[in-house]
Amino acid sequence: MNSEKTPDAIALMITFTDPDLNAEELNDEVVRLLSDLNDRSDIDAVDRVRDPNPPDGNKSGGAFLVGMLMAEVSVANAKKVLGFLGDRLGNKPISFEVEGNGKKLKVSANSREELEFAMQKAREFIEAA
């Protein structure tokens, strides 16, 4: 994904944080969500997050950070995408960052109630961006 966002873009960094899952299971969660997001027309771009410091000897062009993906959406579509994520991620322990207009919001959720609260905070953040 291009790291240069358009001026009205919102970046969403989603990290699966379930301590009961191993690295492979966390990456399986990322692959499923990545597939779901790739199918949506309201997502401008989505990709796994490359490790800025890949392990020595890595010849695949860079490793990915475990359990993480980044999506870029327009401000106009951000609320719809947050609604989808809220429904899709349900009770999965996650943390996410919302970045727009030079500001960042970081939130974590371990339950459906916490996720709904976090999504509301993200919506408020986007409206203010």
C-alpha atoms as a PDB file:
ATOM      1  CA  MET A   1       0.000   0.000   0.000  1.00  0.00           C
ATOM      2  CA  ASN A   2       1.240   3.466  -0.808  1.00  0.00           C
ATOM      3  CA  SER A   3       2.278   5.244   2.400  1.00  0.00           C
ATOM      4  CA  GLU A   4       1.268   8.636   0.984  1.00  0.00           C
ATOM      5  CA  LYS A   5      -2.392   9.163   1.827  1.00  0.00           C
ATOM      6  CA  THR A   6      -4.660  11.512  -0.037  1.00  0.00           C
ATOM      7  CA  PRO A   7      -5.570  14.572   2.052  1.00  0.00           C
ATOM      8  CA  ASP A   8      -9.057  13.305   2.890  1.00  0.00           C
ATOM      9  CA  ALA A   9      -7.958   9.731   3.644  1.00  0.00           C
ATOM     10  CA  ILE A  10      -8.203   7.976   6.973  1.00  0.00           C
ATOM     11  CA  ALA A  11      -5.659   5.260   7.761  1.00  0.00           C
ATOM     12  CA  LEU A  12      -6.789   2.355   9.938  1.00  0.00           C
ATOM     13  CA  MET A  13      -4.152   0.079  11.448  1.00  0.00           C
ATOM     14  CA  ILE A  14      -5.794  -3.035  12.869  1.00  0.00           C
ATOM     15  CA  THR A  15      -3.902  -5.406  15.138  1.00  0.00           C
ATOM     16  CA  PHE A  16      -5.286  -8.706  16.392  1.00  0.00           C
ATOM     17  CA  THR A  17      -4.159  -9.045  20.014  1.00  0.00           C
ATOM     18  CA  ASP A  18      -5.696 -12.307  21.252  1.00  0.00           C
ATOM     19  CA  PRO A  19      -3.105 -13.799  23.633  1.00  0.00           C
ATOM     20  CA  ASP A  20      -4.617 -17.271  23.115  1.00  0.00           C
ATOM     21  CA  LEU A  21      -3.648 -17.301  19.431  1.00  0.00           C
ATOM     22  CA  ASN A  22      -0.207 -18.124  18.078  1.00  0.00           C
ATOM     23  CA  ALA A  23       1.443 -16.149  15.271  1.00  0.00           C
ATOM     24  CA  GLU A  24       0.012 -18.406  12.552  1.00  0.00           C
ATOM     25  CA  GLU A  25      -3.526 -18.074  13.936  1.00  0.00           C
ATOM     26  CA  LEU A  26      -3.161 -14.293  14.214  1.00  0.00           C
ATOM     27  CA  ASN A  27      -2.036 -14.146  10.610  1.00  0.00           C
ATOM     28  CA  ASP A  28      -4.990 -16.343   9.598  1.00  0.00           C
ATOM     29  CA  GLU A  29      -7.261 -13.684  11.150  1.00  0.00           C
ATOM     30  CA  VAL A  30      -5.454 -11.015   9.121  1.00  0.00           C
ATOM     31  CA  VAL A  31      -5.783 -12.989   5.882  1.00  0.00           C
ATOM     32  CA  ARG A  32      -9.548 -13.457   6.413  1.00  0.00           C
ATOM     33  CA  LEU A  33     -10.102  -9.776   7.212  1.00  0.00           C
ATOM     34  CA  LEU A  34      -7.864  -8.735   4.321  1.00  0.00           C
ATOM     35  CA  SER A  35      -9.972 -10.830   1.956  1.00  0.00           C
ATOM     36  CA  ASP A  36     -13.192  -9.297   3.309  1.00  0.00           C
ATOM     37  CA  LEU A  37     -11.836  -5.757   2.990  1.00  0.00           C
ATOM     38  CA  ASN A  38     -10.492  -6.351  -0.527  1.00  0.00           C
ATOM     39  CA  ASP A  39     -14.041  -7.207  -1.605  1.00  0.00           C
ATOM     40  CA  ARG A  40     -15.406  -3.832  -0.440  1.00  0.00           C
ATOM     41  CA  SER A  41     -15.716  -0.905  -2.845  1.00  0.00           C
ATOM     42  CA  ASP A  42     -15.537   1.633   0.017  1.00  0.00           C
ATOM     43  CA  ILE A  43     -11.922   0.700   0.857  1.00  0.00           C
ATOM     44  CA  ASP A  44      -9.306   2.673  -1.088  1.00  0.00           C
ATOM     45  CA  ALA A  45      -6.412   0.348  -0.211  1.00  0.00           C
ATOM     46  CA  VAL A  46      -5.675  -2.483   2.207  1.00  0.00           C
ATOM     47  CA  ASP A  47      -2.574  -4.542   2.842  1.00  0.00           C
ATOM     48  CA  ARG A  48      -0.594  -6.355   5.484  1.00  0.00           C
ATOM     49  CA  VAL A  49       1.964  -4.280   7.376  1.00  0.00           C
ATOM     50  CA  ARG A  50       5.560  -4.882   6.339  1.00  0.00           C
ATOM     51  CA  ASP A  51       8.159  -5.310   9.055  1.00  0.00           C
ATOM     52  CA  PRO A  52      10.522  -2.322   8.853  1.00  0.00           C
ATOM     53  CA  ASN A  53      13.285  -4.528  10.328  1.00  0.00           C
ATOM     54  CA  PRO A  54      12.880  -7.976   8.732  1.00  0.00           C
ATOM     55  CA  PRO A  55      14.959 -10.843  10.100  1.00  0.00           C
ATOM     56  CA  ASP A  56      18.419 -11.325   8.635  1.00  0.00           C
ATOM     57  CA  GLY A  57      18.391 -13.642   5.646  1.00  0.00           C
ATOM     58  CA  ASN A  58      14.786 -12.867   4.703  1.00  0.00           C
ATOM     59  CA  LYS A  59      14.727 -13.109   0.918  1.00  0.00           C
ATOM     60  CA  SER A  60      11.015 -12.570   0.344  1.00  0.00           C
ATOM     61  CA  GLY A  61      11.341  -8.803   0.072  1.00  0.00           C
ATOM     62  CA  GLY A  62      10.395  -8.212   3.669  1.00  0.00           C
ATOM     63  CA  ALA A  63       8.418  -9.922   6.360  1.00  0.00           C
ATOM     64  CA  PHE A  64       5.013  -8.879   7.642  1.00  0.00           C
ATOM     65  CA  LEU A  65       4.249  -7.827  11.188  1.00  0.00           C
ATOM     66  CA  VAL A  66       2.232 -10.530  12.939  1.00  0.00           C
ATOM     67  CA  GLY A  67      -1.504  -9.944  13.207  1.00  0.00           C
ATOM     68  CA  MET A  68      -1.521  -6.486  11.586  1.00  0.00           C
ATOM     69  CA  LEU A  69      -3.076  -4.863   8.547  1.00  0.00           C
ATOM     70  CA  MET A  70      -3.532  -1.313   7.281  1.00  0.00           C
ATOM     71  CA  ALA A  71      -6.530   0.026   5.404  1.00  0.00           C
ATOM     72  CA  GLU A  72      -7.028   3.408   3.806  1.00  0.00           C
ATOM     73  CA  VAL A  73     -10.516   4.839   3.372  1.00  0.00           C
ATOM     74  CA  SER A  74     -11.956   8.192   2.456  1.00  0.00           C
ATOM     75  CA  VAL A  75     -13.459  10.305   5.222  1.00  0.00           C
ATOM     76  CA  ALA A  76     -16.820   9.883   3.472  1.00  0.00           C
ATOM     77  CA  ASN A  77     -16.615   6.069   3.737  1.00  0.00           C
ATOM     78  CA  ALA A  78     -14.900   5.811   7.117  1.00  0.00           C
ATOM     79  CA  LYS A  79     -18.078   5.453   9.187  1.00  0.00           C
ATOM     80  CA  LYS A  80     -19.405   2.655   6.939  1.00  0.00           C
ATOM     81  CA  VAL A  81     -16.089   0.841   7.172  1.00  0.00           C
ATOM     82  CA  LEU A  82     -15.988   1.246  10.971  1.00  0.00           C
ATOM     83  CA  GLY A  83     -19.508  -0.186  11.139  1.00  0.00           C
ATOM     84  CA  PHE A  84     -18.420  -3.169   9.071  1.00  0.00           C
ATOM     85  CA  LEU A  85     -15.343  -3.694  11.248  1.00  0.00           C
ATOM     86  CA  GLY A  86     -17.458  -3.498  14.400  1.00  0.00           C
ATOM     87  CA  ASP A  87     -19.774  -6.205  13.048  1.00  0.00           C
ATOM     88  CA  ARG A  88     -16.949  -8.326  11.625  1.00  0.00           C
ATOM     89  CA  LEU A  89     -14.585  -8.196  14.604  1.00  0.00           C
ATOM     90  CA  GLY A  90     -17.229  -8.721  17.303  1.00  0.00           C
ATOM     91  CA  ASN A  91     -15.590 -10.184  20.386  1.00  0.00           C
ATOM     92  CA  LYS A  92     -12.072 -10.473  18.956  1.00  0.00           C
ATOM     93  CA  PRO A  93      -9.413  -8.730  21.042  1.00  0.00           C
ATOM     94  CA  ILE A  94      -7.957  -6.020  18.812  1.00  0.00           C
ATOM     95  CA  SER A  95      -6.255  -2.690  18.921  1.00  0.00           C
ATOM     96  CA  PHE A  96      -6.432  -0.165  16.166  1.00  0.00           C
ATOM     97  CA  GLU A  97      -5.138   3.228  15.239  1.00  0.00           C
ATOM     98  CA  VAL A  98      -7.067   5.781  13.273  1.00  0.00           C
ATOM     99  CA  GLU A  99      -4.998   8.475  11.589  1.00  0.00           C
ATOM    100  CA  GLY A 100      -6.327  11.449   9.704  1.00  0.00           C
ATOM    101  CA  ASN A 101      -5.538  15.117   9.251  1.00  0.00           C
ATOM    102  CA  GLY A 102      -2.195  14.694  11.041  1.00  0.00           C
ATOM    103  CA  LYS A 103      -3.813  13.285  14.209  1.00  0.00           C
ATOM    104  CA  LYS A 104      -3.843   9.753  15.645  1.00  0.00           C
ATOM    105  CA  LEU A 105      -6.234   7.901  17.892  1.00  0.00           C
ATOM    106  CA  LYS A 106      -5.256   4.552  19.436  1.00  0.00           C
ATOM    107  CA  VAL A 107      -7.884   2.298  20.991  1.00  0.00           C
ATOM    108  CA  SER A 108      -8.067  -1.296  22.186  1.00  0.00           C
ATOM    109  CA  ALA A 109     -11.014  -3.599  22.736  1.00  0.00           C
ATOM    110  CA  ASN A 110     -11.379  -7.036  24.297  1.00  0.00           C
ATOM    111  CA  SER A 111     -15.165  -7.401  24.145  1.00  0.00           C
ATOM    112  CA  ARG A 112     -18.098  -6.392  21.973  1.00  0.00           C
ATOM    113  CA  GLU A 113     -18.974  -3.567  24.412  1.00  0.00           C
ATOM    114  CA  GLU A 114     -15.410  -2.228  24.410  1.00  0.00           C
ATOM    115  CA  LEU A 115     -15.310  -2.465  20.621  1.00  0.00           C
ATOM    116  CA  GLU A 116     -18.574  -0.521  20.268  1.00  0.00           C
ATOM    117  CA  PHE A 117     -17.185   2.176  22.599  1.00  0.00           C
ATOM    118  CA  ALA A 118     -13.893   2.261  20.645  1.00  0.00           C
ATOM    119  CA  MET A 119     -15.735   2.501  17.318  1.00  0.00           C
ATOM    120  CA  GLN A 120     -17.808   5.403  18.653  1.00  0.00           C
ATOM    121  CA  LYS A 121     -14.597   7.184  19.703  1.00  0.00           C
ATOM    122  CA  ALA A 122     -13.157   6.527  16.236  1.00  0.00           C
ATOM    123  CA  ARG A 123     -16.293   7.963  14.576  1.00  0.00           C
ATOM    124  CA  GLU A 124     -16.035  11.086  16.739  1.00  0.00           C
ATOM    125  CA  PHE A 125     -12.343  11.361  15.860  1.00  0.00           C
ATOM    126  CA  ILE A 126     -13.106  11.089  12.138  1.00  0.00           C
ATOM    127  CA  GLU A 127     -15.832  13.736  12.354  1.00  0.00           C
ATOM    128  CA  ALA A 128     -13.320  16.098  13.995  1.00  0.00           C
ATOM    129  CA  ALA A 129     -10.542  15.312  11.481  1.00  0.00           C
END
